[in-house]
Amino acid sequence: MSPTHLLSICLLACGGVAAAAAPRPLPNAHAHNDYEHARPLADALDHGFNSVEADIYLVDGQLLVAHDREDCRPERTLRALYLEPLRKRIEANGGSVHADTPDFTLLVDFKSDGKATYAALHEQLAEYRTMLTRVDNGRRAAGPVAVIVSGNRPITMMASQRLRYAGVDGRIDDLSGHASSHLAPLISDHWPSYFKWTGQGEFPVEERAKLARIADQAHRQGRRLRFWATPENEAVWRALRTAGVDLIGTDDLDRLQAFLAADKPAQEKP
């Protein structure tokens, strides 16, 4: 019997645990509308993504994951699709989602009433507090998963809490405000509202400089930066990465994985 055949039998007997190497973690990769993939969360993790986005509605006391209200299904809960799988992975992984990467980001986009949805979310997150980044009396304690609330954000409600298990998804205007970095640890905004460039031709000098200024300002304040509605092409992704934008979003997991695995920001190139 050949060594290859013996190895195949061993892998089958072990349940295929060693059949495939773990994907290279990609700290900058964000799965936009992750729940629309065939295997929510699992597909993103298998591509090495370190951030996912889930739209939620509060329906009859349940946090249901869907893009539109009519698409809500009782079995597609935030708990079932994201919180429980993350808890199990962290336990199996020795305390992390991906090895040697920053906190995994779970971006929760509220589509229903902000205050009611957040009250339900806070109560549910308390059950998973040991795996979550939290803020207690203004002090941030990092955990394997950082939950960020976007969409209908009840900012005043969240800011008033002594103990929080989630942060707010800020906007570029917040960089000139007074929100603390632990309240708004992530700044996200609409790419076409700030930039006309779509990746065709050269990135205009003034827009390139604007992007660098925004990224620098966010980082000096201890915040991460993300844009949504960015054109899905390598030229834009390279410009985002070179400027230091922290999360690059996509619906095309394969394409962004291949790009990030092969590309390096300009400052890293020899």
C-alpha atoms as a PDB file:
ATOM      1  CA  MET A   1       0.000   0.000   0.000  1.00  0.00           C
ATOM      2  CA  SER A   2       1.426   3.416  -0.979  1.00  0.00           C
ATOM      3  CA  PRO A   3       2.216   6.123   1.606  1.00  0.00           C
ATOM      4  CA  THR A   4      -0.363   8.361  -0.085  1.00  0.00           C
ATOM      5  CA  HIS A   5      -3.040   5.694   0.339  1.00  0.00           C
ATOM      6  CA  LEU A   6      -2.089   5.233   3.990  1.00  0.00           C
ATOM      7  CA  LEU A   7      -2.349   8.992   4.565  1.00  0.00           C
ATOM      8  CA  SER A   8      -5.798   9.060   2.963  1.00  0.00           C
ATOM      9  CA  ILE A   9      -7.007   6.264   5.235  1.00  0.00           C
ATOM     10  CA  CYS A  10      -5.618   8.091   8.278  1.00  0.00           C
ATOM     11  CA  LEU A  11      -7.390  11.321   7.346  1.00  0.00           C
ATOM     12  CA  LEU A  12     -10.677   9.496   6.841  1.00  0.00           C
ATOM     13  CA  ALA A  13     -10.307   7.701  10.145  1.00  0.00           C
ATOM     14  CA  CYS A  14      -9.606  11.021  11.890  1.00  0.00           C
ATOM     15  CA  GLY A  15     -12.687  12.601  10.403  1.00  0.00           C
ATOM     16  CA  GLY A  16     -10.721  14.649   7.896  1.00  0.00           C
ATOM     17  CA  VAL A  17      -9.403  17.014  10.567  1.00  0.00           C
ATOM     18  CA  ALA A  18      -6.070  17.403   8.810  1.00  0.00           C
ATOM     19  CA  ALA A  19      -7.443  17.276   5.277  1.00  0.00           C
ATOM     20  CA  ALA A  20      -7.081  21.014   4.704  1.00  0.00           C
ATOM     21  CA  ALA A  21      -4.801  23.614   6.227  1.00  0.00           C
ATOM     22  CA  ALA A  22      -6.331  26.542   8.056  1.00  0.00           C
ATOM     23  CA  PRO A  23      -6.743  29.572   5.781  1.00  0.00           C
ATOM     24  CA  ARG A  24      -4.349  32.470   6.113  1.00  0.00           C
ATOM     25  CA  PRO A  25      -6.073  35.033   8.368  1.00  0.00           C
ATOM     26  CA  LEU A  26      -6.828  38.297   6.562  1.00  0.00           C
ATOM     27  CA  PRO A  27      -7.232  41.064   9.195  1.00  0.00           C
ATOM     28  CA  ASN A  28      -8.455  43.589   6.589  1.00  0.00           C
ATOM     29  CA  ALA A  29     -11.154  41.385   5.010  1.00  0.00           C
ATOM     30  CA  HIS A  30     -14.801  42.238   5.770  1.00  0.00           C
ATOM     31  CA  ALA A  31     -17.705  40.127   4.475  1.00  0.00           C
ATOM     32  CA  HIS A  32     -20.477  42.539   3.508  1.00  0.00           C
ATOM     33  CA  ASN A  33     -23.980  41.061   3.955  1.00  0.00           C
ATOM     34  CA  ASP A  34     -22.292  37.872   5.109  1.00  0.00           C
ATOM     35  CA  TYR A  35     -25.613  36.146   5.855  1.00  0.00           C
ATOM     36  CA  GLU A  36     -26.405  35.977   2.126  1.00  0.00           C
ATOM     37  CA  HIS A  37     -23.651  33.415   1.532  1.00  0.00           C
ATOM     38  CA  ALA A  38     -24.465  29.711   1.410  1.00  0.00           C
ATOM     39  CA  ARG A  39     -22.929  29.195   4.851  1.00  0.00           C
ATOM     40  CA  PRO A  40     -23.140  32.398   6.900  1.00  0.00           C
ATOM     41  CA  LEU A  41     -19.989  33.020   8.940  1.00  0.00           C
ATOM     42  CA  ALA A  42     -18.460  29.661   7.946  1.00  0.00           C
ATOM     43  CA  ASP A  43     -17.747  30.745   4.358  1.00  0.00           C
ATOM     44  CA  ALA A  44     -16.087  33.943   5.586  1.00  0.00           C
ATOM     45  CA  LEU A  45     -13.994  32.078   8.166  1.00  0.00           C
ATOM     46  CA  ASP A  46     -12.940  29.510   5.579  1.00  0.00           C
ATOM     47  CA  HIS A  47     -11.645  32.410   3.451  1.00  0.00           C
ATOM     48  CA  GLY A  48      -9.703  33.875   6.386  1.00  0.00           C
ATOM     49  CA  PHE A  49     -11.963  36.909   6.815  1.00  0.00           C
ATOM     50  CA  ASN A  50     -11.739  38.661  10.168  1.00  0.00           C
ATOM     51  CA  SER A  51     -14.945  40.714   9.991  1.00  0.00           C
ATOM     52  CA  VAL A  52     -18.546  39.947   9.003  1.00  0.00           C
ATOM     53  CA  GLU A  53     -21.741  41.969   8.714  1.00  0.00           C
ATOM     54  CA  ALA A  54     -25.216  40.805   9.710  1.00  0.00           C
ATOM     55  CA  ASP A  55     -28.420  42.822   9.258  1.00  0.00           C
ATOM     56  CA  ILE A  56     -30.933  42.141  12.016  1.00  0.00           C
ATOM     57  CA  TYR A  57     -34.584  42.782  12.842  1.00  0.00           C
ATOM     58  CA  LEU A  58     -36.248  42.439  16.228  1.00  0.00           C
ATOM     59  CA  VAL A  59     -39.294  40.242  15.578  1.00  0.00           C
ATOM     60  CA  ASP A  60     -41.415  38.895  18.442  1.00  0.00           C
ATOM     61  CA  GLY A  61     -38.484  39.184  20.812  1.00  0.00           C
ATOM     62  CA  GLN A  62     -36.057  37.381  18.467  1.00  0.00           C
ATOM     63  CA  LEU A  63     -33.074  38.921  16.676  1.00  0.00           C
ATOM     64  CA  LEU A  64     -33.530  37.642  13.123  1.00  0.00           C
ATOM     65  CA  VAL A  65     -30.921  37.978  10.380  1.00  0.00           C
ATOM     66  CA  ALA A  66     -32.128  39.191   6.975  1.00  0.00           C
ATOM     67  CA  HIS A  67     -31.704  42.036   4.513  1.00  0.00           C
ATOM     68  CA  ASP A  68     -35.439  42.737   4.237  1.00  0.00           C
ATOM     69  CA  ARG A  69     -38.199  42.242   6.803  1.00  0.00           C
ATOM     70  CA  GLU A  70     -40.150  39.866   4.564  1.00  0.00           C
ATOM     71  CA  ASP A  71     -37.122  37.575   4.355  1.00  0.00           C
ATOM     72  CA  CYS A  72     -36.933  36.969   8.123  1.00  0.00           C
ATOM     73  CA  ARG A  73     -37.129  33.315   9.146  1.00  0.00           C
ATOM     74  CA  PRO A  74     -37.509  32.154  12.774  1.00  0.00           C
ATOM     75  CA  GLU A  75     -34.560  29.761  12.548  1.00  0.00           C
ATOM     76  CA  ARG A  76     -32.160  32.402  11.198  1.00  0.00           C
ATOM     77  CA  THR A  77     -31.328  34.109  14.467  1.00  0.00           C
ATOM     78  CA  LEU A  78     -28.220  36.069  15.368  1.00  0.00           C
ATOM     79  CA  ARG A  79     -27.567  33.510  18.067  1.00  0.00           C
ATOM     80  CA  ALA A  80     -27.788  30.506  15.733  1.00  0.00           C
ATOM     81  CA  LEU A  81     -25.891  31.971  12.774  1.00  0.00           C
ATOM     82  CA  TYR A  82     -23.179  33.923  14.586  1.00  0.00           C
ATOM     83  CA  LEU A  83     -22.963  33.949  18.373  1.00  0.00           C
ATOM     84  CA  GLU A  84     -23.067  30.208  18.999  1.00  0.00           C
ATOM     85  CA  PRO A  85     -20.738  29.260  16.105  1.00  0.00           C
ATOM     86  CA  LEU A  86     -18.248  31.901  17.238  1.00  0.00           C
ATOM     87  CA  ARG A  87     -18.392  30.652  20.827  1.00  0.00           C
ATOM     88  CA  LYS A  88     -17.758  27.073  19.725  1.00  0.00           C
ATOM     89  CA  ARG A  89     -14.910  28.065  17.425  1.00  0.00           C
ATOM     90  CA  ILE A  90     -13.210  30.125  20.112  1.00  0.00           C
ATOM     91  CA  GLU A  91     -13.447  27.254  22.583  1.00  0.00           C
ATOM     92  CA  ALA A  92     -12.037  24.814  20.022  1.00  0.00           C
ATOM     93  CA  ASN A  93      -9.349  27.294  18.938  1.00  0.00           C
ATOM     94  CA  GLY A  94      -7.895  27.938  22.361  1.00  0.00           C
ATOM     95  CA  GLY A  95      -9.427  31.380  22.810  1.00  0.00           C
ATOM     96  CA  SER A  96      -9.398  33.039  19.394  1.00  0.00           C
ATOM     97  CA  VAL A  97     -11.311  33.101  16.125  1.00  0.00           C
ATOM     98  CA  HIS A  98      -8.157  33.202  13.987  1.00  0.00           C
ATOM     99  CA  ALA A  99      -4.671  32.707  15.354  1.00  0.00           C
ATOM    100  CA  ASP A 100      -2.421  35.780  15.601  1.00  0.00           C
ATOM    101  CA  THR A 101      -5.031  38.314  14.464  1.00  0.00           C
ATOM    102  CA  PRO A 102      -6.780  41.254  16.125  1.00  0.00           C
ATOM    103  CA  ASP A 103     -10.283  40.905  17.562  1.00  0.00           C
ATOM    104  CA  PHE A 104     -12.764  39.399  15.143  1.00  0.00           C
ATOM    105  CA  THR A 105     -15.427  41.985  14.219  1.00  0.00           C
ATOM    106  CA  LEU A 106     -19.143  41.204  14.211  1.00  0.00           C
ATOM    107  CA  LEU A 107     -20.840  44.234  12.653  1.00  0.00           C
ATOM    108  CA  VAL A 108     -24.544  44.133  13.506  1.00  0.00           C
ATOM    109  CA  ASP A 109     -26.646  46.423  11.305  1.00  0.00           C
ATOM    110  CA  PHE A 110     -29.953  47.337  12.986  1.00  0.00           C
ATOM    111  CA  LYS A 111     -32.863  47.449  10.558  1.00  0.00           C
ATOM    112  CA  SER A 112     -35.601  47.718  13.209  1.00  0.00           C
ATOM    113  CA  ASP A 113     -36.105  50.278  15.994  1.00  0.00           C
ATOM    114  CA  GLY A 114     -32.724  51.077  17.466  1.00  0.00           C
ATOM    115  CA  LYS A 115     -33.557  51.234  21.174  1.00  0.00           C
ATOM    116  CA  ALA A 116     -35.712  48.108  21.284  1.00  0.00           C
ATOM    117  CA  THR A 117     -33.301  46.126  19.120  1.00  0.00           C
ATOM    118  CA  TYR A 118     -30.317  47.182  21.198  1.00  0.00           C
ATOM    119  CA  ALA A 119     -32.040  46.282  24.479  1.00  0.00           C
ATOM    120  CA  ALA A 120     -32.586  42.756  23.147  1.00  0.00           C
ATOM    121  CA  LEU A 121     -29.053  42.579  21.786  1.00  0.00           C
ATOM    122  CA  HIS A 122     -27.455  43.745  25.034  1.00  0.00           C
ATOM    123  CA  GLU A 123     -29.348  41.099  26.988  1.00  0.00           C
ATOM    124  CA  GLN A 124     -28.256  38.396  24.558  1.00  0.00           C
ATOM    125  CA  LEU A 125     -24.636  39.534  24.419  1.00  0.00           C
ATOM    126  CA  ALA A 126     -24.438  39.306  28.203  1.00  0.00           C
ATOM    127  CA  GLU A 127     -24.735  35.530  27.803  1.00  0.00           C
ATOM    128  CA  TYR A 128     -21.578  35.567  25.656  1.00  0.00           C
ATOM    129  CA  ARG A 129     -19.653  38.172  27.643  1.00  0.00           C
ATOM    130  CA  THR A 130     -16.587  35.978  28.176  1.00  0.00           C
ATOM    131  CA  MET A 131     -15.787  36.077  24.438  1.00  0.00           C
ATOM    132  CA  LEU A 132     -16.649  39.740  23.845  1.00  0.00           C
ATOM    133  CA  THR A 133     -14.742  42.987  23.970  1.00  0.00           C
ATOM    134  CA  ARG A 134     -16.496  45.067  26.619  1.00  0.00           C
ATOM    135  CA  VAL A 135     -16.339  48.521  28.179  1.00  0.00           C
ATOM    136  CA  ASP A 136     -16.834  48.801  31.930  1.00  0.00           C
ATOM    137  CA  ASN A 137     -16.805  52.279  33.502  1.00  0.00           C
ATOM    138  CA  GLY A 138     -14.904  53.674  30.532  1.00  0.00           C
ATOM    139  CA  ARG A 139     -12.301  50.911  30.512  1.00  0.00           C
ATOM    140  CA  ARG A 140     -12.040  48.682  27.472  1.00  0.00           C
ATOM    141  CA  ALA A 141     -11.257  44.986  27.963  1.00  0.00           C
ATOM    142  CA  ALA A 142     -10.464  43.193  24.711  1.00  0.00           C
ATOM    143  CA  GLY A 143     -12.034  39.839  23.889  1.00  0.00           C
ATOM    144  CA  PRO A 144     -11.851  37.546  20.849  1.00  0.00           C
ATOM    145  CA  VAL A 145     -14.940  39.183  19.309  1.00  0.00           C
ATOM    146  CA  ALA A 146     -15.707  42.903  19.000  1.00  0.00           C
ATOM    147  CA  VAL A 147     -19.392  43.630  18.335  1.00  0.00           C
ATOM    148  CA  ILE A 148     -20.143  46.892  16.505  1.00  0.00           C
ATOM    149  CA  VAL A 149     -23.663  48.312  16.140  1.00  0.00           C
ATOM    150  CA  SER A 150     -24.481  50.015  12.830  1.00  0.00           C
ATOM    151  CA  GLY A 151     -27.677  51.079  11.066  1.00  0.00           C
ATOM    152  CA  ASN A 152     -30.313  52.439  13.474  1.00  0.00           C
ATOM    153  CA  ARG A 153     -27.760  53.133  16.199  1.00  0.00           C
ATOM    154  CA  PRO A 154     -29.117  54.188  19.637  1.00  0.00           C
ATOM    155  CA  ILE A 155     -25.970  56.184  20.362  1.00  0.00           C
ATOM    156  CA  THR A 156     -27.229  58.110  23.404  1.00  0.00           C
ATOM    157  CA  MET A 157     -28.566  54.921  24.966  1.00  0.00           C
ATOM    158  CA  MET A 158     -25.287  53.104  24.450  1.00  0.00           C
ATOM    159  CA  ALA A 159     -23.185  56.026  25.670  1.00  0.00           C
ATOM    160  CA  SER A 160     -25.147  56.113  28.928  1.00  0.00           C
ATOM    161  CA  GLN A 161     -24.343  52.501  29.838  1.00  0.00           C
ATOM    162  CA  ARG A 162     -21.794  51.700  32.512  1.00  0.00           C
ATOM    163  CA  LEU A 163     -21.240  48.251  31.016  1.00  0.00           C
ATOM    164  CA  ARG A 164     -21.377  47.636  27.277  1.00  0.00           C
ATOM    165  CA  TYR A 165     -20.642  44.600  25.151  1.00  0.00           C
ATOM    166  CA  ALA A 166     -20.721  46.524  21.870  1.00  0.00           C
ATOM    167  CA  GLY A 167     -19.410  49.695  20.295  1.00  0.00           C
ATOM    168  CA  VAL A 168     -20.990  52.125  17.846  1.00  0.00           C
ATOM    169  CA  ASP A 169     -20.167  52.273  14.156  1.00  0.00           C
ATOM    170  CA  GLY A 170     -19.202  55.945  13.841  1.00  0.00           C
ATOM    171  CA  ARG A 171     -19.163  58.247  10.822  1.00  0.00           C
ATOM    172  CA  ILE A 172     -16.430  60.515   9.442  1.00  0.00           C
ATOM    173  CA  ASP A 173     -18.114  63.531  11.060  1.00  0.00           C
ATOM    174  CA  ASP A 174     -17.477  61.858  14.430  1.00  0.00           C
ATOM    175  CA  LEU A 175     -13.755  62.367  13.911  1.00  0.00           C
ATOM    176  CA  SER A 176     -14.405  66.038  14.662  1.00  0.00           C
ATOM    177  CA  GLY A 177     -16.701  65.292  17.606  1.00  0.00           C
ATOM    178  CA  HIS A 178     -16.280  64.137  21.162  1.00  0.00           C
ATOM    179  CA  ALA A 179     -17.283  60.454  21.041  1.00  0.00           C
ATOM    180  CA  SER A 180     -14.652  58.360  22.787  1.00  0.00           C
ATOM    181  CA  SER A 181     -12.756  55.713  20.847  1.00  0.00           C
ATOM    182  CA  HIS A 182     -14.239  52.994  23.053  1.00  0.00           C
ATOM    183  CA  LEU A 183     -17.778  54.176  22.239  1.00  0.00           C
ATOM    184  CA  ALA A 184     -17.073  54.527  18.495  1.00  0.00           C
ATOM    185  CA  PRO A 185     -14.065  52.288  17.812  1.00  0.00           C
ATOM    186  CA  LEU A 186     -14.896  51.964  14.106  1.00  0.00           C
ATOM    187  CA  ILE A 187     -15.583  54.756  11.613  1.00  0.00           C
ATOM    188  CA  SER A 188     -17.580  53.714   8.547  1.00  0.00           C
ATOM    189  CA  ASP A 189     -18.906  55.886   5.742  1.00  0.00           C
ATOM    190  CA  HIS A 190     -20.305  55.923   2.221  1.00  0.00           C
ATOM    191  CA  TRP A 191     -17.477  55.930  -0.348  1.00  0.00           C
ATOM    192  CA  PRO A 192     -19.378  57.812  -3.132  1.00  0.00           C
ATOM    193  CA  SER A 193     -20.181  60.631  -0.685  1.00  0.00           C
ATOM    194  CA  TYR A 194     -16.466  61.427  -0.420  1.00  0.00           C
ATOM    195  CA  PHE A 195     -14.828  60.078  -3.571  1.00  0.00           C
ATOM    196  CA  LYS A 196     -15.734  60.106  -7.259  1.00  0.00           C
ATOM    197  CA  TRP A 197     -12.987  57.682  -8.297  1.00  0.00           C
ATOM    198  CA  THR A 198     -14.232  54.194  -9.188  1.00  0.00           C
ATOM    199  CA  GLY A 199     -10.892  52.565  -9.935  1.00  0.00           C
ATOM    200  CA  GLN A 200     -10.756  53.594 -13.593  1.00  0.00           C
ATOM    201  CA  GLY A 201      -7.622  55.520 -14.489  1.00  0.00           C
ATOM    202  CA  GLU A 202      -5.391  57.146 -11.894  1.00  0.00           C
ATOM    203  CA  PHE A 203      -6.633  57.904  -8.399  1.00  0.00           C
ATOM    204  CA  PRO A 204      -6.898  61.743  -8.403  1.00  0.00           C
ATOM    205  CA  VAL A 205      -4.166  63.300  -6.284  1.00  0.00           C
ATOM    206  CA  GLU A 206      -6.589  65.363  -4.192  1.00  0.00           C
ATOM    207  CA  GLU A 207      -8.807  62.348  -3.472  1.00  0.00           C
ATOM    208  CA  ARG A 208      -5.793  60.198  -2.590  1.00  0.00           C
ATOM    209  CA  ALA A 209      -4.667  62.878  -0.140  1.00  0.00           C
ATOM    210  CA  LYS A 210      -8.173  63.126   1.340  1.00  0.00           C
ATOM    211  CA  LEU A 211      -8.299  59.377   1.938  1.00  0.00           C
ATOM    212  CA  ALA A 212      -4.880  59.460   3.618  1.00  0.00           C
ATOM    213  CA  ARG A 213      -5.986  62.346   5.876  1.00  0.00           C
ATOM    214  CA  ILE A 214      -9.153  60.544   6.956  1.00  0.00           C
ATOM    215  CA  ALA A 215      -7.269  57.317   7.703  1.00  0.00           C
ATOM    216  CA  ASP A 216      -4.565  59.173   9.624  1.00  0.00           C
ATOM    217  CA  GLN A 217      -7.127  61.101  11.688  1.00  0.00           C
ATOM    218  CA  ALA A 218      -9.024  57.921  12.566  1.00  0.00           C
ATOM    219  CA  HIS A 219      -5.858  56.098  13.573  1.00  0.00           C
ATOM    220  CA  ARG A 220      -4.542  58.981  15.666  1.00  0.00           C
ATOM    221  CA  GLN A 221      -7.790  58.766  17.624  1.00  0.00           C
ATOM    222  CA  GLY A 222      -7.414  55.019  18.117  1.00  0.00           C
ATOM    223  CA  ARG A 223     -10.208  54.093  15.701  1.00  0.00           C
ATOM    224  CA  ARG A 224     -10.416  51.794  12.698  1.00  0.00           C
ATOM    225  CA  LEU A 225     -11.750  52.887   9.311  1.00  0.00           C
ATOM    226  CA  ARG A 226     -14.094  51.282   6.782  1.00  0.00           C
ATOM    227  CA  PHE A 227     -16.064  52.444   3.738  1.00  0.00           C
ATOM    228  CA  TRP A 228     -19.167  50.880   2.274  1.00  0.00           C
ATOM    229  CA  ALA A 229     -20.343  50.947  -1.355  1.00  0.00           C
ATOM    230  CA  THR A 230     -16.749  50.879  -2.576  1.00  0.00           C
ATOM    231  CA  PRO A 231     -16.277  49.730  -6.187  1.00  0.00           C
ATOM    232  CA  GLU A 232     -15.348  46.038  -6.205  1.00  0.00           C
ATOM    233  CA  ASN A 233     -12.068  46.097  -8.085  1.00  0.00           C
ATOM    234  CA  GLU A 234      -8.405  45.625  -7.324  1.00  0.00           C
ATOM    235  CA  ALA A 235      -7.438  49.240  -8.035  1.00  0.00           C
ATOM    236  CA  VAL A 236      -9.748  50.567  -5.324  1.00  0.00           C
ATOM    237  CA  TRP A 237      -8.811  47.785  -2.906  1.00  0.00           C
ATOM    238  CA  ARG A 238      -5.108  48.591  -3.414  1.00  0.00           C
ATOM    239  CA  ALA A 239      -5.712  52.287  -2.768  1.00  0.00           C
ATOM    240  CA  LEU A 240      -7.660  51.479   0.411  1.00  0.00           C
ATOM    241  CA  ARG A 241      -4.937  49.174   1.644  1.00  0.00           C
ATOM    242  CA  THR A 242      -2.129  51.594   0.817  1.00  0.00           C
ATOM    243  CA  ALA A 243      -3.936  54.370   2.724  1.00  0.00           C
ATOM    244  CA  GLY A 244      -4.294  52.090   5.756  1.00  0.00           C
ATOM    245  CA  VAL A 245      -8.061  51.566   5.632  1.00  0.00           C
ATOM    246  CA  ASP A 246      -8.600  48.815   8.194  1.00  0.00           C
ATOM    247  CA  LEU A 247     -11.561  46.884   6.783  1.00  0.00           C
ATOM    248  CA  ILE A 248     -12.169  46.309   3.083  1.00  0.00           C
ATOM    249  CA  GLY A 249     -15.665  45.040   2.358  1.00  0.00           C
ATOM    250  CA  THR A 250     -16.826  42.740  -0.394  1.00  0.00           C
ATOM    251  CA  ASP A 251     -19.550  40.332  -1.466  1.00  0.00           C
ATOM    252  CA  ASP A 252     -16.976  38.338  -3.485  1.00  0.00           C
ATOM    253  CA  LEU A 253     -15.051  36.353  -0.880  1.00  0.00           C
ATOM    254  CA  ASP A 254     -12.876  34.449  -3.356  1.00  0.00           C
ATOM    255  CA  ARG A 255     -11.737  37.557  -5.199  1.00  0.00           C
ATOM    256  CA  LEU A 256     -10.840  39.635  -2.153  1.00  0.00           C
ATOM    257  CA  GLN A 257      -9.104  36.681  -0.512  1.00  0.00           C
ATOM    258  CA  ALA A 258      -6.938  36.183  -3.595  1.00  0.00           C
ATOM    259  CA  PHE A 259      -6.134  39.899  -3.773  1.00  0.00           C
ATOM    260  CA  LEU A 260      -5.181  40.289  -0.116  1.00  0.00           C
ATOM    261  CA  ALA A 261      -3.164  37.083  -0.117  1.00  0.00           C
ATOM    262  CA  ALA A 262      -1.104  38.275  -3.089  1.00  0.00           C
ATOM    263  CA  ASP A 263      -0.960  42.045  -2.667  1.00  0.00           C
ATOM    264  CA  LYS A 264       1.051  44.158  -0.229  1.00  0.00           C
ATOM    265  CA  PRO A 265       0.540  47.822   0.546  1.00  0.00           C
ATOM    266  CA  ALA A 266       2.974  50.124  -1.240  1.00  0.00           C
ATOM    267  CA  GLN A 267       4.867  50.869   1.967  1.00  0.00           C
ATOM    268  CA  GLU A 268       5.605  47.146   2.407  1.00  0.00           C
ATOM    269  CA  LYS A 269       6.994  46.649  -1.069  1.00  0.00           C
ATOM    270  CA  PRO A 270      10.769  46.667  -1.578  1.00  0.00           C
END
